[in-house]
PDB file of N, CA and C in Angstrom:
ATOM      1  N   UNK A   1       9.388  34.715   3.552  1.00  0.00           N
ATOM      2  CA  UNK A   1       8.992  33.379   3.951  1.00  0.00           C
ATOM      3  C   UNK A   1      10.152  32.573   4.505  1.00  0.00           C
ATOM      4  N   UNK A   2      11.318  32.744   3.946  1.00  0.00           N
ATOM      5  CA  UNK A   2      12.474  31.997   4.422  1.00  0.00           C
ATOM      6  C   UNK A   2      12.752  32.314   5.877  1.00  0.00           C
ATOM      7  N   UNK A   3      12.552  33.567   6.268  1.00  0.00           N
ATOM      8  CA  UNK A   3      12.777  33.968   7.658  1.00  0.00           C
ATOM      9  C   UNK A   3      11.785  33.275   8.584  1.00  0.00           C
ATOM     10  N   UNK A   4      10.545  33.163   8.152  1.00  0.00           N
ATOM     11  CA  UNK A   4       9.526  32.503   8.973  1.00  0.00           C
ATOM     12  C   UNK A   4       9.877  31.043   9.190  1.00  0.00           C
ATOM     13  N   UNK A   5      10.252  30.345   8.138  1.00  0.00           N
ATOM     14  CA  UNK A   5      10.628  28.931   8.269  1.00  0.00           C
ATOM     15  C   UNK A   5      11.893  28.785   9.111  1.00  0.00           C
ATOM     16  N   UNK A   6      12.816  29.698   8.916  1.00  0.00           N
ATOM     17  CA  UNK A   6      14.060  29.674   9.690  1.00  0.00           C
ATOM     18  C   UNK A   6      13.762  29.894  11.173  1.00  0.00           C
ATOM     19  N   UNK A   7      12.887  30.833  11.471  1.00  0.00           N
ATOM     20  CA  UNK A   7      12.501  31.111  12.854  1.00  0.00           C
ATOM     21  C   UNK A   7      11.835  29.917  13.504  1.00  0.00           C
ATOM     22  N   UNK A   8      10.974  29.259  12.744  1.00  0.00           N
ATOM     23  CA  UNK A   8      10.298  28.061  13.263  1.00  0.00           C
ATOM     24  C   UNK A   8      11.300  26.942  13.508  1.00  0.00           C
ATOM     25  N   UNK A   9      12.262  26.834  12.619  1.00  0.00           N
ATOM     26  CA  UNK A   9      13.298  25.818  12.779  1.00  0.00           C
ATOM     27  C   UNK A   9      14.114  26.078  14.047  1.00  0.00           C
ATOM     28  N   UNK A  10      14.466  27.355  14.253  1.00  0.00           N
ATOM     29  CA  UNK A  10      15.208  27.720  15.463  1.00  0.00           C
ATOM     30  C   UNK A  10      14.405  27.398  16.717  1.00  0.00           C
ATOM     31  N   UNK A  11      13.123  27.689  16.667  1.00  0.00           N
ATOM     32  CA  UNK A  11      12.252  27.404  17.820  1.00  0.00           C
ATOM     33  C   UNK A  11      12.172  25.902  18.054  1.00  0.00           C
ATOM     34  N   UNK A  12      12.034  25.145  16.981  1.00  0.00           N
ATOM     35  CA  UNK A  12      11.968  23.682  17.093  1.00  0.00           C
ATOM     36  C   UNK A  12      13.247  23.130  17.711  1.00  0.00           C
ATOM     37  N   UNK A  13      14.378  23.621  17.246  1.00  0.00           N
ATOM     38  CA  UNK A  13      15.668  23.175  17.789  1.00  0.00           C
ATOM     39  C   UNK A  13      15.757  23.514  19.270  1.00  0.00           C
ATOM     40  N   UNK A  14      15.326  24.711  19.638  1.00  0.00           N
ATOM     41  CA  UNK A  14      15.364  25.118  21.040  1.00  0.00           C
ATOM     42  C   UNK A  14      14.448  24.249  21.888  1.00  0.00           C
ATOM     43  N   UNK A  15      13.266  23.950  21.382  1.00  0.00           N
ATOM     44  CA  UNK A  15      12.312  23.108  22.124  1.00  0.00           C
ATOM     45  C   UNK A  15      12.882  21.704  22.324  1.00  0.00           C
ATOM     46  N   UNK A  16      13.471  21.152  21.286  1.00  0.00           N
ATOM     47  CA  UNK A  16      14.064  19.807  21.386  1.00  0.00           C
ATOM     48  C   UNK A  16      15.202  19.807  22.402  1.00  0.00           C
ATOM     49  N   UNK A  17      16.055  20.830  22.345  1.00  0.00           N
ATOM     50  CA  UNK A  17      17.184  20.909  23.276  1.00  0.00           C
ATOM     51  C   UNK A  17      16.693  21.069  24.710  1.00  0.00           C
ATOM     52  N   UNK A  18      15.706  21.940  24.914  1.00  0.00           N
ATOM     53  CA  UNK A  18      15.173  22.151  26.266  1.00  0.00           C
ATOM     54  C   UNK A  18      14.453  20.903  26.784  1.00  0.00           C
ATOM     55  N   UNK A  19      13.772  20.200  25.908  1.00  0.00           N
ATOM     56  CA  UNK A  19      13.104  18.953  26.313  1.00  0.00           C
ATOM     57  C   UNK A  19      14.112  17.902  26.743  1.00  0.00           C
ATOM     58  N   UNK A  20      15.198  17.801  25.995  1.00  0.00           N
ATOM     59  CA  UNK A  20      16.251  16.838  26.355  1.00  0.00           C
ATOM     60  C   UNK A  20      16.874  17.218  27.692  1.00  0.00           C
ATOM     61  N   UNK A  21      17.123  18.498  27.882  1.00  0.00           N
ATOM     62  CA  UNK A  21      17.703  18.948  29.147  1.00  0.00           C
ATOM     63  C   UNK A  21      16.743  18.707  30.305  1.00  0.00           C
ATOM     64  N   UNK A  22      15.465  18.949  30.075  1.00  0.00           N
ATOM     65  CA  UNK A  22      14.459  18.715  31.123  1.00  0.00           C
ATOM     66  C   UNK A  22      14.408  17.231  31.493  1.00  0.00           C
ATOM     67  N   UNK A  23      14.513  16.358  30.514  1.00  0.00           N
ATOM     68  CA  UNK A  23      14.504  14.918  30.783  1.00  0.00           C
ATOM     69  C   UNK A  23      15.725  14.516  31.607  1.00  0.00           C
ATOM     70  N   UNK A  24      16.878  15.072  31.257  1.00  0.00           N
ATOM     71  CA  UNK A  24      18.092  14.786  32.028  1.00  0.00           C
ATOM     72  C   UNK A  24      17.963  15.292  33.461  1.00  0.00           C
ATOM     73  N   UNK A  25      17.417  16.478  33.619  1.00  0.00           N
ATOM     74  CA  UNK A  25      17.243  17.043  34.958  1.00  0.00           C
ATOM     75  C   UNK A  25      16.256  16.219  35.777  1.00  0.00           C
ATOM     76  N   UNK A  26      15.189  15.760  35.138  1.00  0.00           N
ATOM     77  CA  UNK A  26      14.212  14.936  35.847  1.00  0.00           C
ATOM     78  C   UNK A  26      14.845  13.631  36.313  1.00  0.00           C
ATOM     79  N   UNK A  27      15.671  13.036  35.469  1.00  0.00           N
ATOM     80  CA  UNK A  27      16.382  11.815  35.851  1.00  0.00           C
ATOM     81  C   UNK A  27      17.279  12.081  37.048  1.00  0.00           C
ATOM     82  N   UNK A  28      17.982  13.204  37.015  1.00  0.00           N
ATOM     83  CA  UNK A  28      18.895  13.551  38.123  1.00  0.00           C
ATOM     84  C   UNK A  28      18.118  13.813  39.402  1.00  0.00           C
ATOM     85  N   UNK A  29      16.971  14.471  39.301  1.00  0.00           N
ATOM     86  CA  UNK A  29      16.135  14.720  40.481  1.00  0.00           C
ATOM     87  C   UNK A  29      15.684  13.394  41.091  1.00  0.00           C
ATOM     88  N   UNK A  30      15.297  12.460  40.241  1.00  0.00           N
ATOM     89  CA  UNK A  30      14.882  11.137  40.725  1.00  0.00           C
ATOM     90  C   UNK A  30      16.044  10.433  41.423  1.00  0.00           C
ATOM     91  N   UNK A  31      17.237  10.495  40.827  1.00  0.00           N
ATOM     92  CA  UNK A  31      18.424   9.880  41.439  1.00  0.00           C
ATOM     93  C   UNK A  31      18.740  10.514  42.791  1.00  0.00           C
ATOM     94  N   UNK A  32      18.680  11.839  42.846  1.00  0.00           N
ATOM     95  CA  UNK A  32      18.973  12.527  44.108  1.00  0.00           C
ATOM     96  C   UNK A  32      17.936  12.194  45.173  1.00  0.00           C
ATOM     97  N   UNK A  33      16.697  12.057  44.765  1.00  0.00           N
ATOM     98  CA  UNK A  33      15.653  11.661  45.711  1.00  0.00           C
ATOM     99  C   UNK A  33      15.942  10.291  46.314  1.00  0.00           C
ATOM    100  N   UNK A  34      16.379   9.354  45.472  1.00  0.00           N
ATOM    101  CA  UNK A  34      16.726   8.017  45.967  1.00  0.00           C
ATOM    102  C   UNK A  34      17.931   8.077  46.895  1.00  0.00           C
ATOM    103  N   UNK A  35      18.901   8.910  46.544  1.00  0.00           N
ATOM    104  CA  UNK A  35      20.071   9.058  47.411  1.00  0.00           C
ATOM    105  C   UNK A  35      19.670   9.631  48.773  1.00  0.00           C
ATOM    106  N   UNK A  36      18.734  10.555  48.794  1.00  0.00           N
ATOM    107  CA  UNK A  36      18.252  11.100  50.071  1.00  0.00           C
ATOM    108  C   UNK A  36      17.571  10.022  50.911  1.00  0.00           C
ATOM    109  N   UNK A  37      16.811   9.164  50.247  1.00  0.00           N
ATOM    110  CA  UNK A  37      16.173   8.044  50.963  1.00  0.00           C
ATOM    111  C   UNK A  37      17.254   7.146  51.557  1.00  0.00           C
ATOM    112  N   UNK A  38      18.299   6.860  50.796  1.00  0.00           N
ATOM    113  CA  UNK A  38      19.395   6.013  51.279  1.00  0.00           C
ATOM    114  C   UNK A  38      20.128   6.659  52.458  1.00  0.00           C
ATOM    115  N   UNK A  39      20.391   7.973  52.344  1.00  0.00           N
ATOM    116  CA  UNK A  39      21.065   8.682  53.440  1.00  0.00           C
ATOM    117  C   UNK A  39      20.195   8.650  54.692  1.00  0.00           C
ATOM    118  N   UNK A  40      18.899   8.876  54.535  1.00  0.00           N
ATOM    119  CA  UNK A  40      17.985   8.834  55.681  1.00  0.00           C
ATOM    120  C   UNK A  40      18.010   7.465  56.349  1.00  0.00           C
ATOM    121  N   UNK A  41      18.014   6.426  55.537  1.00  0.00           N
ATOM    122  CA  UNK A  41      18.046   5.056  56.066  1.00  0.00           C
ATOM    123  C   UNK A  41      19.330   4.816  56.864  1.00  0.00           C
ATOM    124  N   UNK A  42      20.467   5.275  56.309  1.00  0.00           N
ATOM    125  CA  UNK A  42      21.742   5.098  57.015  1.00  0.00           C
ATOM    126  C   UNK A  42      21.787   5.922  58.298  1.00  0.00           C
ATOM    127  N   UNK A  43      21.243   7.136  58.258  1.00  0.00           N
ATOM    128  CA  UNK A  43      21.220   7.979  59.464  1.00  0.00           C
ATOM    129  C   UNK A  43      20.407   7.307  60.573  1.00  0.00           C
ATOM    130  N   UNK A  44      19.287   6.717  60.196  1.00  0.00           N
ATOM    131  CA  UNK A  44      18.456   6.027  61.188  1.00  0.00           C
ATOM    132  C   UNK A  44      19.192   4.818  61.770  1.00  0.00           C
ATOM    133  N   UNK A  45      19.920   4.101  60.915  1.00  0.00           N
ATOM    134  CA  UNK A  45      20.672   2.937  61.386  1.00  0.00           C
ATOM    135  C   UNK A  45      21.781   3.367  62.339  1.00  0.00           C
ATOM    136  N   UNK A  46      22.489   4.436  62.000  1.00  0.00           N
ATOM    137  CA  UNK A  46      23.562   4.933  62.869  1.00  0.00           C
ATOM    138  C   UNK A  46      22.971   5.445  64.176  1.00  0.00           C
ATOM    139  N   UNK A  47      21.860   6.156  64.096  1.00  0.00           N
ATOM    140  CA  UNK A  47      21.210   6.666  65.297  1.00  0.00           C
ATOM    141  C   UNK A  47      20.789   5.526  66.222  1.00  0.00           C
ATOM    142  N   UNK A  48      20.222   4.474  65.633  1.00  0.00           N
ATOM    143  CA  UNK A  48      19.812   3.333  66.439  1.00  0.00           C
ATOM    144  C   UNK A  48      21.027   2.654  67.074  1.00  0.00           C
ATOM    145  N   UNK A  49      22.109   2.518  66.316  1.00  0.00           N
ATOM    146  CA  UNK A  49      23.323   1.905  66.865  1.00  0.00           C
ATOM    147  C   UNK A  49      23.887   2.742  67.994  1.00  0.00           C
ATOM    148  N   UNK A  50      23.909   4.060  67.823  1.00  0.00           N
ATOM    149  CA  UNK A  50      24.407   4.929  68.896  1.00  0.00           C
ATOM    150  C   UNK A  50      23.512   4.855  70.123  1.00  0.00           C
ATOM    151  N   UNK A  51      22.232   4.755  69.903  1.00  0.00           N
ATOM    152  CA  UNK A  51      21.297   4.658  71.019  1.00  0.00           C
ATOM    153  C   UNK A  51      21.534   3.345  71.794  1.00  0.00           C
ATOM    154  N   UNK A  52      21.757   2.273  71.042  1.00  0.00           N
ATOM    155  CA  UNK A  52      22.042   0.995  71.710  1.00  0.00           C
ATOM    156  C   UNK A  52      23.355   1.074  72.503  1.00  0.00           C
ATOM    157  N   UNK A  53      24.368   1.693  71.911  1.00  0.00           N
ATOM    158  CA  UNK A  53      25.657   1.825  72.595  1.00  0.00           C
ATOM    159  C   UNK A  53      25.554   2.690  73.865  1.00  0.00           C
ATOM    160  N   UNK A  54      24.745   3.717  73.812  1.00  0.00           N
ATOM    161  CA  UNK A  54      24.643   4.613  74.971  1.00  0.00           C
ATOM    162  C   UNK A  54      23.861   3.979  76.114  1.00  0.00           C
ATOM    163  N   UNK A  55      23.087   2.923  75.813  1.00  0.00           N
ATOM    164  CA  UNK A  55      22.320   2.264  76.883  1.00  0.00           C
ATOM    165  C   UNK A  55      23.079   1.082  77.491  1.00  0.00           C
ATOM    166  N   UNK A  56      24.307   0.875  77.068  1.00  0.00           N
ATOM    167  CA  UNK A  56      25.112  -0.244  77.619  1.00  0.00           C
ATOM    168  C   UNK A  56      25.736   0.170  78.919  1.00  0.00           C
TER     169      UNK A  56
END
């Protein structure tokens, strides 16, 4: 019986650790997504500025 409880405890610890890691990864994915939106916005602004400069 001790082995069964020990095994369940190990599984619980692993699940908690993996859940915490998944939450951290999800946060990072969200941050990276926002950074991509920001980069896209800056690229469009630079492209528009270059287009204006080339038409002068």
